[in-house]
Amino acid sequence: MNGHQAKEARRLQANIDRRLADGRLVAMLEQDNFQGPLYDRFVDELVRYGISVLRGWMHSGYIFDLVAQRGFGLNPHELDLEERGRRRSPGRVRRS
């Protein structure tokens, strides 16, 4: 096995390990009927992760691309679009 194959094997094994751990977590949550302190902690962590992802998407403007692809009419304010343009192309002068 060469270096590339070994790296790919480690990546695949890590993916399998994560999926097995996810399955164990779901089984534990199911035992408690998806309620109680463990479930509350799970929900808190999931919400924290989701908020973190959405903040990044809002900051970069990626969220506008996603909703546009799905046909939703999210209309950001003109100032938001100008700021997004400045972040995407620093040093570039925009002309009207």
Protein backbone atom coordinates (compact mmCIF):
# COMPACT_ATOMS: atom_id res chain seq x y z
CA MET A 1 0.00 0.00 0.00
CA ASN A 2 1.48 3.34 -1.03
CA GLY A 3 1.17 6.61 0.91
CA HIS A 4 -1.91 7.82 -0.97
CA GLN A 5 -3.71 4.51 -0.43
CA ALA A 6 -2.82 4.52 3.28
CA LYS A 7 -4.13 8.07 3.65
CA GLU A 8 -7.37 7.12 1.87
CA ALA A 9 -7.74 4.02 4.06
CA ARG A 10 -7.34 6.15 7.22
CA ARG A 11 -9.92 8.63 5.91
CA LEU A 12 -12.40 5.86 5.17
CA GLN A 13 -11.81 4.24 8.56
CA ALA A 14 -12.38 7.58 10.32
CA ASN A 15 -15.66 7.93 8.41
CA ILE A 16 -16.74 4.43 9.49
CA ASP A 17 -15.74 5.16 13.10
CA ARG A 18 -17.81 8.38 13.11
CA ARG A 19 -20.84 6.58 11.70
CA LEU A 20 -20.57 3.81 14.29
CA ALA A 21 -20.30 6.39 17.08
CA ASP A 22 -23.35 8.20 15.66
CA GLY A 23 -25.26 4.91 15.70
CA ARG A 24 -24.33 4.32 19.35
CA LEU A 25 -25.45 7.85 20.23
CA VAL A 26 -28.80 7.40 18.48
CA ALA A 27 -29.30 4.09 20.33
CA MET A 28 -28.59 5.78 23.67
CA LEU A 29 -30.98 8.64 22.88
CA GLU A 30 -33.63 6.17 21.77
CA GLN A 31 -33.34 4.25 25.05
CA ASP A 32 -34.47 7.41 26.83
CA ASN A 33 -37.21 8.06 24.24
CA PHE A 34 -35.30 11.07 22.97
CA GLN A 35 -35.82 13.03 26.17
CA GLY A 36 -33.97 13.79 29.36
CA PRO A 37 -30.55 15.28 30.19
CA LEU A 38 -28.56 13.41 27.50
CA TYR A 39 -31.02 14.44 24.80
CA ASP A 40 -31.04 18.04 26.07
CA ARG A 41 -27.24 18.11 25.87
CA PHE A 42 -27.36 16.64 22.35
CA VAL A 43 -29.85 19.29 21.23
CA ASP A 44 -27.72 22.08 22.73
CA GLU A 45 -24.61 20.86 20.90
CA LEU A 46 -26.49 20.45 17.63
CA VAL A 47 -27.91 23.97 17.89
CA ARG A 48 -24.47 25.42 18.68
CA TYR A 49 -23.03 23.69 15.62
CA GLY A 50 -25.88 24.87 13.39
CA ILE A 51 -25.57 28.47 14.55
CA SER A 52 -21.83 28.38 13.96
CA VAL A 53 -22.30 27.12 10.39
CA LEU A 54 -25.04 29.66 9.64
CA ARG A 55 -22.93 32.53 10.97
CA GLY A 56 -20.14 31.58 8.61
CA TRP A 57 -22.56 31.30 5.70
CA MET A 58 -24.10 34.68 6.52
CA HIS A 59 -20.71 36.34 6.86
CA SER A 60 -19.50 35.00 3.51
CA GLY A 61 -22.85 35.50 1.79
CA TYR A 62 -23.00 31.80 0.88
CA ILE A 63 -26.49 31.56 2.39
CA PHE A 64 -27.79 33.88 -0.36
CA ASP A 65 -26.45 31.51 -3.01
CA LEU A 66 -28.04 28.49 -1.33
CA VAL A 67 -31.49 29.97 -1.02
CA ALA A 68 -31.37 31.38 -4.56
CA GLN A 69 -30.55 27.90 -5.90
CA ARG A 70 -33.66 26.61 -4.19
CA GLY A 71 -35.87 29.34 -5.61
CA PHE A 72 -36.47 31.32 -2.43
CA GLY A 73 -36.65 35.07 -2.75
CA LEU A 74 -34.29 36.18 -0.02
CA ASN A 75 -33.60 39.81 -0.76
CA PRO A 76 -30.65 41.15 1.20
CA HIS A 77 -30.35 44.88 1.77
CA GLU A 78 -28.23 46.79 -0.75
CA LEU A 79 -25.64 47.63 1.93
CA ASP A 80 -25.30 43.92 2.76
CA LEU A 81 -24.61 43.15 -0.89
CA GLU A 82 -22.00 45.91 -1.11
CA GLU A 83 -20.25 44.57 1.97
CA ARG A 84 -20.37 41.05 0.55
CA GLY A 85 -18.80 42.29 -2.67
CA ARG A 86 -15.97 43.97 -0.77
CA ARG A 87 -15.26 40.76 1.17
CA ARG A 88 -15.27 38.59 -1.96
CA SER A 89 -12.89 40.76 -3.95
CA PRO A 90 -10.56 42.72 -1.67
CA GLY A 91 -8.54 45.40 -3.40
CA ARG A 92 -10.87 45.52 -6.39
CA VAL A 93 -12.47 48.88 -7.04
CA ARG A 94 -16.16 48.62 -7.94
CA ARG A 95 -17.45 51.12 -10.44
CA SER A 96 -21.07 52.05 -11.03
